Amino acid sequence: MLIQDIRDSLFNVSDLNQLKCDLNGLQPVDVGEYITQLPEKQRAIAFRLLNKAQAIDVFEYLPTDVQEELINSLHDVQVVQIMEAMSPDERAELFDELPAGVVKRLIQQLSPEQRQATATILGYPEGTAGRVMTTEYVRLQEGLTVGEALSKIRRQDEDKETIYYAYVTDNNRKLVRVVSLRQLLFTFPDVYIRDISSDRVIKVKTETPQEEVAQIMKRYDLIAIPVVDREDRLVGIITIDDVIDILEEEATEDIQKLAGVSGDEEALSAPLVTIRKRLPWLLAIMALYIGAASAIAPFQSVIAAVPVLAVIMPIFSNTGGTVGIQALTVTIRGLGVGEVTPRDTFKILRKEVLAGLGTAVVLAITMMALSMIWAKPQERWVGVVAGTVMATNTLVAVTLGTLLPMGLKRLKLDPALVSGPLVTTMLDTIGFLTFLTLISLALHIFHLPQ
């Protein structure tokens, strides 16, 4: 992030020449942060102060809405220069967010090579390896010597996104080997590439889900991974910076779904955006809670007869919901980072139930003690029922928190679809119905004092 004192000094600059000098001397990511925080009318002015090379680098670090805003405010020549210099994957990501008319105009102004690269990426489904890959990579023919390969890299591959790996293909562009830049630099020039390259190539298909790509790269400590089509032909690579973006995107999505927030809401989003992202979930949760309320409604006379229930039930509800969310969060996180799969369902459930038994005992004793403290002498029997139901609900909570996301994963759905509010509502409905039914039966069967 931009250091605070640097940010403050930039905001206080009134001399545009001095500001131009300062902005062109900073790292592109810091300039992008500075421009993003400016008022809308000042962003284009600040961006125009950048030299061509700096402007191209900074543009890729700007949020999509700011990029779109600048495209509309810059001259076509400037826009085309920036679009042409962007990496194909970044350009495709931007085009996903722009209006169709603007995208069509920009694509027509690209060079044939860049137009083809962008069209290739946009042709793959969102969330797949093909959609996040870049077509800028180093490709070598397997018949080259090390000296010829290095000469080719110097001559043709200067603008490639990464040169740490070179991918060796046959005459049909099928990926056969991989060689690192380190191997090329420390091998004699007359040695053939096929003699030093590895045929154990870790690769992914264009249709591989992006989360799976991130897990593969993490597992094998890769800084880039090749992407091949169905015929095993090399079509692109995915680099580590793309994987970091994928992991952040997936983690953000899972966290927001667990909390009942739709879309990718940002902390500084406009109030109307916040309302649009949250209100549908809140209305849906209210609808869900109608079920929990409906479970309580028939027992109003019971609650009136045993007033301590009104004190106990909020604690009962919050504790059970928290237990469920804890199990749910751990399970979804394990699935998300690849620690577990649906085949591990029994192992996880066994661990959660065993831990849940210990938790249930402690929570049940605590609930019984609180109930007896708050209840009138003739109502202290309620503590036994409250403790029993608390223990039962705890075990139900850990079971649901484990089985629901595992079930969705087995059905090839996103486990994060099981949000925290949904689990809490289910547990409230089950717990309240069980608790109040047992209290009602006790009052009726044993004619207990009220």
Protein backbone atom coordinates (compact mmCIF):
# COMPACT_ATOMS: atom_id res chain seq x y z
CA MET A 1 0.00 0.00 0.00
CA LEU A 2 1.04 3.60 -0.51
CA ILE A 3 2.91 4.84 2.56
CA GLN A 4 0.78 7.33 4.49
CA ASP A 5 3.21 10.25 4.46
CA ILE A 6 3.79 9.85 0.71
CA ARG A 7 0.02 9.78 0.14
CA ASP A 8 -0.47 12.90 2.23
CA SER A 9 2.28 14.77 0.40
CA LEU A 10 0.76 13.88 -2.97
CA PHE A 11 -2.67 15.10 -1.93
CA ASN A 12 -1.15 18.40 -0.77
CA VAL A 13 0.73 19.06 -4.04
CA SER A 14 -0.69 22.02 -5.99
CA ASP A 15 2.10 22.17 -8.60
CA LEU A 16 1.19 19.78 -11.46
CA ASN A 17 4.80 19.58 -12.63
CA GLN A 18 5.89 18.44 -9.19
CA LEU A 19 2.99 15.97 -9.03
CA LYS A 20 3.96 14.61 -12.46
CA CYS A 21 7.52 14.06 -11.29
CA ASP A 22 6.38 12.39 -8.06
CA LEU A 23 3.85 10.05 -9.74
CA ASN A 24 6.27 8.91 -12.41
CA GLY A 25 8.84 8.08 -9.73
CA LEU A 26 6.55 5.78 -7.71
CA GLN A 27 5.72 2.12 -8.18
CA PRO A 28 2.71 1.60 -10.51
CA VAL A 29 0.64 -0.13 -7.81
CA ASP A 30 1.08 2.88 -5.49
CA VAL A 31 0.11 5.33 -8.23
CA GLY A 32 -2.95 3.21 -8.97
CA GLU A 33 -3.99 3.38 -5.33
CA TYR A 34 -3.47 7.17 -5.29
CA ILE A 35 -5.54 7.74 -8.45
CA THR A 36 -8.33 5.48 -7.20
CA GLN A 37 -8.69 7.58 -4.03
CA LEU A 38 -8.95 10.87 -5.94
CA PRO A 39 -12.33 12.49 -6.63
CA GLU A 40 -13.76 11.37 -9.97
CA LYS A 41 -13.05 14.64 -11.79
CA GLN A 42 -9.38 14.61 -10.79
CA ARG A 43 -8.54 11.03 -11.80
CA ALA A 44 -8.19 11.72 -15.52
CA ILE A 45 -5.98 14.75 -14.81
CA ALA A 46 -3.64 12.70 -12.62
CA PHE A 47 -3.55 9.83 -15.11
CA ARG A 48 -2.62 12.18 -17.98
CA LEU A 49 0.42 13.31 -15.99
CA LEU A 50 1.94 9.85 -16.30
CA ASN A 51 4.40 9.06 -19.05
CA LYS A 52 3.38 6.40 -21.56
CA ALA A 53 5.20 3.46 -19.96
CA GLN A 54 4.03 4.37 -16.44
CA ALA A 55 0.44 4.90 -17.60
CA ILE A 56 0.33 1.44 -19.19
CA ASP A 57 1.66 -0.21 -16.01
CA VAL A 58 -0.61 1.80 -13.69
CA PHE A 59 -3.77 1.09 -15.69
CA GLU A 60 -3.64 -2.63 -14.87
CA TYR A 61 -3.68 -1.86 -11.12
CA LEU A 62 -6.83 0.27 -11.25
CA PRO A 63 -10.25 -1.08 -10.27
CA THR A 64 -12.49 -1.93 -13.20
CA ASP A 65 -14.88 0.98 -12.60
CA VAL A 66 -11.97 3.45 -12.64
CA GLN A 67 -10.57 1.84 -15.79
CA GLU A 68 -13.93 2.24 -17.52
CA GLU A 69 -14.15 5.85 -16.37
CA LEU A 70 -10.70 6.64 -17.80
CA ILE A 71 -11.48 4.90 -21.10
CA ASN A 72 -14.43 7.25 -21.52
CA SER A 73 -12.33 10.32 -20.71
CA LEU A 74 -9.15 9.59 -22.72
CA HIS A 75 -8.61 10.03 -26.44
CA ASP A 76 -8.99 6.93 -28.59
CA VAL A 77 -5.29 6.89 -29.45
CA GLN A 78 -4.33 6.76 -25.77
CA VAL A 79 -6.90 4.07 -25.06
CA VAL A 80 -5.70 1.89 -27.92
CA GLN A 81 -2.08 2.22 -26.78
CA ILE A 82 -3.04 1.09 -23.27
CA MET A 83 -5.24 -1.77 -24.50
CA GLU A 84 -2.54 -2.97 -26.88
CA ALA A 85 0.10 -3.02 -24.13
CA MET A 86 -2.06 -4.84 -21.54
CA SER A 87 -1.53 -8.55 -21.01
CA PRO A 88 -4.27 -10.59 -22.75
CA ASP A 89 -5.68 -11.98 -19.50
CA GLU A 90 -5.93 -8.52 -17.87
CA ARG A 91 -7.51 -7.15 -21.04
CA ALA A 92 -10.06 -9.96 -21.13
CA GLU A 93 -10.93 -9.37 -17.46
CA LEU A 94 -11.53 -5.68 -18.21
CA PHE A 95 -13.67 -6.46 -21.26
CA ASP A 96 -15.86 -8.70 -19.09
CA GLU A 97 -16.92 -5.63 -17.11
CA LEU A 98 -17.32 -3.10 -19.94
CA PRO A 99 -20.51 -2.53 -21.95
CA ALA A 100 -20.73 -4.70 -25.08
CA GLY A 101 -20.63 -1.68 -27.39
CA VAL A 102 -17.41 -0.37 -25.84
CA VAL A 103 -15.79 -3.82 -26.00
CA LYS A 104 -16.67 -4.21 -29.66
CA ARG A 105 -15.14 -0.82 -30.50
CA LEU A 106 -11.95 -1.55 -28.55
CA ILE A 107 -11.48 -5.03 -30.02
CA GLN A 108 -11.76 -3.63 -33.55
CA GLN A 109 -8.94 -1.18 -32.81
CA LEU A 110 -6.51 -3.84 -31.53
CA SER A 111 -3.83 -5.36 -33.71
CA PRO A 112 -4.81 -8.71 -35.31
CA GLU A 113 -2.46 -10.59 -32.96
CA GLN A 114 -3.86 -9.02 -29.78
CA ARG A 115 -7.42 -9.27 -31.08
CA GLN A 116 -6.97 -13.02 -31.59
CA ALA A 117 -5.40 -13.47 -28.15
CA THR A 118 -8.26 -11.62 -26.45
CA ALA A 119 -10.94 -13.49 -28.41
CA THR A 120 -9.31 -16.81 -27.49
CA ILE A 121 -9.48 -16.07 -23.76
CA LEU A 122 -13.00 -14.64 -23.90
CA GLY A 123 -14.13 -17.81 -25.66
CA TYR A 124 -13.67 -19.91 -22.51
CA PRO A 125 -16.24 -20.07 -19.66
CA GLU A 126 -15.73 -17.82 -16.64
CA GLY A 127 -13.99 -19.45 -13.68
CA THR A 128 -11.92 -21.81 -15.84
CA ALA A 129 -8.19 -21.96 -16.56
CA GLY A 130 -8.77 -20.80 -20.13
CA ARG A 131 -10.41 -17.61 -18.92
CA VAL A 132 -7.58 -16.56 -16.56
CA MET A 133 -4.58 -17.69 -18.62
CA THR A 134 -2.32 -15.45 -20.67
CA THR A 135 -1.23 -16.30 -24.19
CA GLU A 136 2.18 -14.66 -23.63
CA TYR A 137 4.65 -17.45 -22.89
CA VAL A 138 7.99 -18.79 -24.10
CA ARG A 139 7.66 -21.73 -26.49
CA LEU A 140 10.60 -23.70 -27.85
CA GLN A 141 10.89 -26.41 -30.48
CA GLU A 142 12.31 -29.65 -29.09
CA GLY A 143 15.02 -29.82 -31.80
CA LEU A 144 16.77 -26.61 -30.67
CA THR A 145 20.09 -26.42 -28.85
CA VAL A 146 20.47 -24.39 -25.66
CA GLY A 147 22.33 -21.67 -27.55
CA GLU A 148 19.60 -21.44 -30.19
CA ALA A 149 16.94 -21.39 -27.50
CA LEU A 150 18.57 -18.49 -25.62
CA SER A 151 19.03 -16.60 -28.86
CA LYS A 152 15.36 -17.09 -29.69
CA ILE A 153 14.29 -15.90 -26.22
CA ARG A 154 16.44 -12.75 -26.49
CA ARG A 155 15.16 -12.01 -29.98
CA GLN A 156 11.42 -12.79 -29.70
CA ASP A 157 10.31 -13.18 -26.09
CA GLU A 158 11.31 -9.96 -24.36
CA ASP A 159 7.70 -8.89 -23.85
CA LYS A 160 6.44 -12.25 -22.53
CA GLU A 161 4.81 -12.20 -19.10
CA THR A 162 7.30 -14.64 -17.60
CA ILE A 163 10.43 -16.36 -18.89
CA TYR A 164 11.24 -18.46 -15.83
CA TYR A 165 9.87 -21.50 -17.65
CA ALA A 166 10.08 -22.33 -21.36
CA TYR A 167 7.65 -24.88 -22.76
CA VAL A 168 8.86 -27.35 -25.37
CA THR A 169 6.39 -28.44 -28.07
CA ASP A 170 6.47 -30.70 -31.09
CA ASN A 171 5.57 -29.68 -34.63
CA ASN A 172 1.85 -29.84 -33.78
CA ARG A 173 2.23 -27.50 -30.76
CA LYS A 174 1.63 -30.40 -28.39
CA LEU A 175 3.29 -29.81 -25.03
CA VAL A 176 5.99 -32.43 -24.46
CA ARG A 177 8.56 -30.95 -22.07
CA VAL A 178 9.40 -28.03 -19.82
CA VAL A 179 12.74 -26.40 -19.07
CA SER A 180 13.65 -23.66 -16.62
CA LEU A 181 15.64 -20.54 -17.41
CA ARG A 182 18.19 -21.64 -14.76
CA GLN A 183 18.83 -24.86 -16.71
CA LEU A 184 19.31 -22.92 -19.94
CA LEU A 185 21.74 -20.44 -18.40
CA PHE A 186 23.95 -23.06 -16.78
CA THR A 187 24.13 -25.54 -19.67
CA PHE A 188 26.60 -25.52 -22.57
CA PRO A 189 25.19 -23.89 -25.75
CA ASP A 190 25.55 -26.96 -27.99
CA VAL A 191 23.46 -29.26 -25.72
CA TYR A 192 20.00 -30.09 -27.09
CA ILE A 193 16.92 -28.87 -25.22
CA ARG A 194 15.42 -32.37 -25.17
CA ASP A 195 18.44 -33.60 -23.17
CA ILE A 196 17.98 -31.21 -20.25
CA SER A 197 14.23 -30.60 -20.22
CA SER A 198 11.77 -32.62 -18.12
CA ASP A 199 8.98 -34.71 -19.62
CA ARG A 200 7.11 -34.73 -16.28
CA VAL A 201 5.06 -31.68 -17.11
CA ILE A 202 2.44 -30.52 -14.62
CA LYS A 203 -0.33 -28.96 -16.69
CA VAL A 204 -4.04 -28.16 -16.63
CA LYS A 205 -6.81 -28.22 -19.23
CA THR A 206 -8.56 -25.08 -20.45
CA GLU A 207 -11.77 -26.23 -18.74
CA THR A 208 -10.13 -26.92 -15.35
CA PRO A 209 -11.81 -24.82 -12.60
CA GLN A 210 -9.64 -21.92 -11.48
CA GLU A 211 -9.76 -23.03 -7.83
CA GLU A 212 -8.29 -26.40 -8.84
CA VAL A 213 -5.54 -24.62 -10.76
CA ALA A 214 -4.62 -22.64 -7.64
CA GLN A 215 -4.49 -25.81 -5.56
CA ILE A 216 -2.24 -27.57 -8.09
CA MET A 217 0.19 -24.64 -8.22
CA LYS A 218 0.24 -24.47 -4.42
CA ARG A 219 0.84 -28.21 -4.12
CA TYR A 220 3.82 -28.23 -6.51
CA ASP A 221 5.22 -24.76 -5.63
CA LEU A 222 4.93 -23.51 -9.21
CA ILE A 223 5.26 -19.88 -10.33
CA ALA A 224 3.57 -20.70 -13.64
CA ILE A 225 1.60 -23.61 -15.06
CA PRO A 226 0.90 -24.43 -18.74
CA VAL A 227 -2.66 -24.67 -20.06
CA VAL A 228 -3.47 -27.14 -22.85
CA ASP A 229 -6.57 -27.76 -24.94
CA ARG A 230 -8.33 -31.09 -25.44
CA GLU A 231 -5.74 -32.14 -28.02
CA ASP A 232 -2.93 -31.42 -25.53
CA ARG A 233 -1.79 -28.38 -27.51
CA LEU A 234 -0.24 -25.54 -25.53
CA VAL A 235 -2.54 -22.50 -25.57
CA GLY A 236 -1.40 -20.41 -22.58
CA ILE A 237 0.01 -20.25 -19.06
CA ILE A 238 -1.26 -19.12 -15.68
CA THR A 239 1.21 -17.21 -13.52
CA ILE A 240 1.48 -16.89 -9.76
CA ASP A 241 0.07 -13.34 -9.69
CA ASP A 242 -3.11 -14.65 -11.33
CA VAL A 243 -3.33 -17.42 -8.73
CA ILE A 244 -3.05 -14.90 -5.89
CA ASP A 245 -5.98 -13.01 -7.42
CA ILE A 246 -7.94 -16.26 -7.73
CA LEU A 247 -7.33 -17.23 -4.11
CA GLU A 248 -8.34 -13.76 -2.91
CA GLU A 249 -11.46 -13.83 -5.07
CA GLU A 250 -12.51 -17.29 -3.88
CA ALA A 251 -11.79 -16.51 -0.22
CA THR A 252 -13.75 -13.25 -0.46
CA GLU A 253 -16.66 -15.00 -2.12
CA ASP A 254 -16.77 -17.75 0.52
CA ILE A 255 -16.54 -15.31 3.43
CA GLN A 256 -19.29 -13.11 2.02
CA LYS A 257 -21.57 -16.06 1.34
CA LEU A 258 -21.05 -17.36 4.87
CA ALA A 259 -22.00 -13.93 6.22
CA GLY A 260 -24.98 -13.57 3.90
CA VAL A 261 -23.56 -10.91 1.57
CA SER A 262 -24.09 -11.24 -2.17
CA GLY A 263 -21.54 -10.28 -4.80
CA ASP A 264 -18.10 -8.80 -4.22
CA GLU A 265 -19.00 -5.87 -1.98
CA GLU A 266 -16.04 -3.70 -1.02
CA ALA A 267 -15.52 -1.92 2.28
CA LEU A 268 -15.78 1.51 0.60
CA SER A 269 -18.69 0.67 -1.70
CA ALA A 270 -21.35 3.34 -2.18
CA PRO A 271 -24.35 3.08 0.20
CA LEU A 272 -26.69 2.12 -2.65
CA VAL A 273 -24.33 -0.70 -3.65
CA THR A 274 -24.24 -1.93 -0.05
CA ILE A 275 -28.03 -1.92 0.12
CA ARG A 276 -28.28 -3.80 -3.17
CA LYS A 277 -25.77 -6.42 -2.04
CA ARG A 278 -27.17 -7.01 1.44
CA LEU A 279 -30.91 -6.36 1.35
CA PRO A 280 -31.88 -9.44 -0.72
CA TRP A 281 -30.08 -11.66 1.77
CA LEU A 282 -31.69 -9.92 4.73
CA LEU A 283 -35.16 -10.33 3.23
CA ALA A 284 -34.41 -13.98 2.52
CA ILE A 285 -33.21 -14.48 6.10
CA MET A 286 -36.38 -12.85 7.40
CA ALA A 287 -38.36 -15.31 5.31
CA LEU A 288 -36.34 -18.16 6.79
CA TYR A 289 -36.93 -16.91 10.31
CA ILE A 290 -40.65 -17.08 9.68
CA GLY A 291 -40.10 -20.83 9.99
CA ALA A 292 -38.38 -20.43 13.36
CA ALA A 293 -41.06 -18.00 14.52
CA SER A 294 -43.75 -20.39 13.35
CA ALA A 295 -42.19 -23.08 15.52
CA ILE A 296 -42.52 -20.80 18.57
CA ALA A 297 -45.98 -19.35 17.83
CA PRO A 298 -48.06 -22.37 18.99
CA PHE A 299 -46.27 -22.31 22.37
CA GLN A 300 -47.09 -18.76 23.45
CA SER A 301 -49.18 -20.03 26.34
CA VAL A 302 -46.31 -22.27 27.48
CA ILE A 303 -43.89 -19.33 27.47
CA ALA A 304 -46.42 -17.27 29.41
CA ALA A 305 -46.77 -20.10 31.94
CA VAL A 306 -42.98 -20.49 32.34
CA PRO A 307 -41.51 -16.94 31.99
CA VAL A 308 -37.90 -18.10 32.42
CA LEU A 309 -38.12 -19.54 28.89
CA ALA A 310 -37.97 -15.99 27.49
CA VAL A 311 -34.58 -15.56 29.21
CA ILE A 312 -33.18 -18.95 28.21
CA MET A 313 -34.18 -19.10 24.55
CA PRO A 314 -31.93 -16.27 23.20
CA ILE A 315 -28.85 -17.93 24.78
CA PHE A 316 -30.01 -21.27 23.49
CA SER A 317 -30.41 -19.87 19.96
CA ASN A 318 -27.12 -17.95 19.76
CA THR A 319 -25.01 -20.78 21.20
CA GLY A 320 -26.42 -23.45 18.91
CA GLY A 321 -26.01 -21.21 15.85
CA THR A 322 -22.41 -20.41 16.73
CA VAL A 323 -21.55 -24.10 17.12
CA GLY A 324 -23.02 -24.78 13.69
CA ILE A 325 -21.16 -21.90 12.03
CA GLN A 326 -17.87 -23.04 13.60
CA ALA A 327 -18.21 -26.53 12.11
CA LEU A 328 -19.43 -25.08 8.81
CA THR A 329 -16.53 -22.63 8.50
CA VAL A 330 -13.86 -25.25 9.24
CA THR A 331 -15.38 -27.70 6.75
CA ILE A 332 -15.74 -25.13 3.94
CA ARG A 333 -12.21 -23.89 4.55
CA GLY A 334 -10.87 -27.46 4.38
CA LEU A 335 -12.68 -28.05 1.09
CA GLY A 336 -11.55 -24.68 -0.26
CA VAL A 337 -7.83 -25.23 0.33
CA GLY A 338 -7.91 -28.87 -0.70
CA GLU A 339 -7.20 -30.34 2.74
CA VAL A 340 -10.23 -32.62 2.51
CA THR A 341 -12.62 -34.02 -0.10
CA PRO A 342 -16.11 -35.55 0.14
CA ARG A 343 -14.39 -38.92 0.59
CA ASP A 344 -13.25 -37.67 4.00
CA THR A 345 -16.81 -36.98 5.17
CA PHE A 346 -16.90 -39.80 7.72
CA LYS A 347 -13.50 -38.85 9.18
CA ILE A 348 -14.50 -35.21 9.62
CA LEU A 349 -17.93 -36.09 10.98
CA ARG A 350 -16.38 -38.50 13.49
CA LYS A 351 -13.95 -35.79 14.66
CA GLU A 352 -16.71 -33.17 14.91
CA VAL A 353 -19.08 -35.48 16.81
CA LEU A 354 -16.38 -36.50 19.29
CA ALA A 355 -15.46 -32.85 19.84
CA GLY A 356 -19.16 -32.02 19.92
CA LEU A 357 -19.78 -34.50 22.72
CA GLY A 358 -17.27 -32.75 24.96
CA THR A 359 -18.64 -29.35 23.98
CA ALA A 360 -22.22 -30.54 24.50
CA VAL A 361 -21.52 -31.68 28.06
CA VAL A 362 -19.98 -28.34 29.06
CA LEU A 363 -22.70 -26.28 27.36
CA ALA A 364 -25.46 -28.45 28.86
CA ILE A 365 -24.10 -28.04 32.40
CA THR A 366 -23.72 -24.29 31.89
CA MET A 367 -27.27 -24.03 30.52
CA MET A 368 -28.68 -26.02 33.43
CA ALA A 369 -26.86 -23.82 35.96
CA LEU A 370 -28.05 -20.57 34.35
CA SER A 371 -31.62 -21.84 34.09
CA MET A 372 -31.69 -22.76 37.77
CA ILE A 373 -30.23 -19.38 38.77
CA TRP A 374 -32.79 -17.37 36.78
CA ALA A 375 -35.82 -19.61 37.33
CA LYS A 376 -38.25 -19.43 40.20
CA PRO A 377 -37.92 -22.34 42.65
CA GLN A 378 -40.94 -24.09 41.13
CA GLU A 379 -39.50 -23.70 37.58
CA ARG A 380 -36.00 -25.08 38.17
CA TRP A 381 -36.92 -28.37 36.49
CA VAL A 382 -36.73 -26.41 33.23
CA GLY A 383 -32.93 -26.47 33.58
CA VAL A 384 -32.86 -30.25 33.06
CA VAL A 385 -34.82 -29.94 29.82
CA ALA A 386 -32.74 -26.94 28.67
CA GLY A 387 -29.47 -28.78 29.31
CA THR A 388 -30.66 -31.91 27.51
CA VAL A 389 -31.84 -29.99 24.44
CA MET A 390 -28.68 -27.87 24.41
CA ALA A 391 -26.55 -31.03 24.29
CA THR A 392 -28.72 -32.50 21.54
CA ASN A 393 -28.74 -29.30 19.50
CA THR A 394 -24.95 -29.06 19.75
CA LEU A 395 -24.56 -32.49 18.19
CA VAL A 396 -27.11 -31.62 15.50
CA ALA A 397 -25.20 -28.38 14.81
CA VAL A 398 -21.82 -30.03 14.22
CA THR A 399 -23.49 -32.69 12.07
CA LEU A 400 -25.24 -30.15 9.86
CA GLY A 401 -22.13 -27.95 9.70
CA THR A 402 -20.20 -30.93 8.32
CA LEU A 403 -22.69 -32.77 6.12
CA LEU A 404 -24.28 -29.80 4.32
CA PRO A 405 -21.13 -28.43 2.66
CA MET A 406 -19.85 -31.95 1.99
CA GLY A 407 -23.14 -32.83 0.31
CA LEU A 408 -23.01 -29.75 -1.90
CA LYS A 409 -19.40 -30.52 -2.86
CA ARG A 410 -20.38 -34.06 -3.79
CA LEU A 411 -23.10 -32.59 -6.03
CA LYS A 412 -20.41 -30.33 -7.60
CA LEU A 413 -21.98 -27.20 -6.12
CA ASP A 414 -20.25 -24.44 -4.16
CA PRO A 415 -20.14 -25.48 -0.46
CA ALA A 416 -20.28 -21.79 0.53
CA LEU A 417 -23.90 -21.75 -0.65
CA VAL A 418 -24.65 -23.01 2.86
CA SER A 419 -24.52 -19.63 4.55
CA GLY A 420 -24.21 -19.04 8.28
CA PRO A 421 -27.69 -17.48 8.58
CA LEU A 422 -29.23 -20.51 6.85
CA VAL A 423 -27.62 -22.96 9.30
CA THR A 424 -28.52 -20.75 12.27
CA THR A 425 -32.16 -20.60 11.19
CA MET A 426 -32.35 -24.36 10.72
CA LEU A 427 -30.87 -24.96 14.15
CA ASP A 428 -33.19 -22.40 15.77
CA THR A 429 -36.22 -24.06 14.23
CA ILE A 430 -35.15 -27.56 15.29
CA GLY A 431 -34.02 -26.45 18.75
CA PHE A 432 -37.02 -24.26 19.61
CA LEU A 433 -39.48 -26.89 18.41
CA THR A 434 -37.78 -29.64 20.43
CA PHE A 435 -37.31 -27.51 23.54
CA LEU A 436 -40.83 -26.08 23.70
CA THR A 437 -42.42 -29.43 22.84
CA LEU A 438 -40.61 -31.12 25.74
CA ILE A 439 -41.55 -28.29 28.12
CA SER A 440 -45.18 -28.51 27.00
CA LEU A 441 -45.24 -32.30 27.47
CA ALA A 442 -43.68 -32.00 30.92
CA LEU A 443 -46.31 -29.47 32.00
CA HIS A 444 -49.11 -31.61 30.65
CA ILE A 445 -47.98 -35.10 31.76
CA PHE A 446 -46.47 -34.37 35.17
CA HIS A 447 -48.76 -31.50 36.13
CA LEU A 448 -45.70 -29.57 37.25
CA PRO A 449 -46.23 -26.38 39.25
CA GLN A 450 -46.24 -23.14 37.27
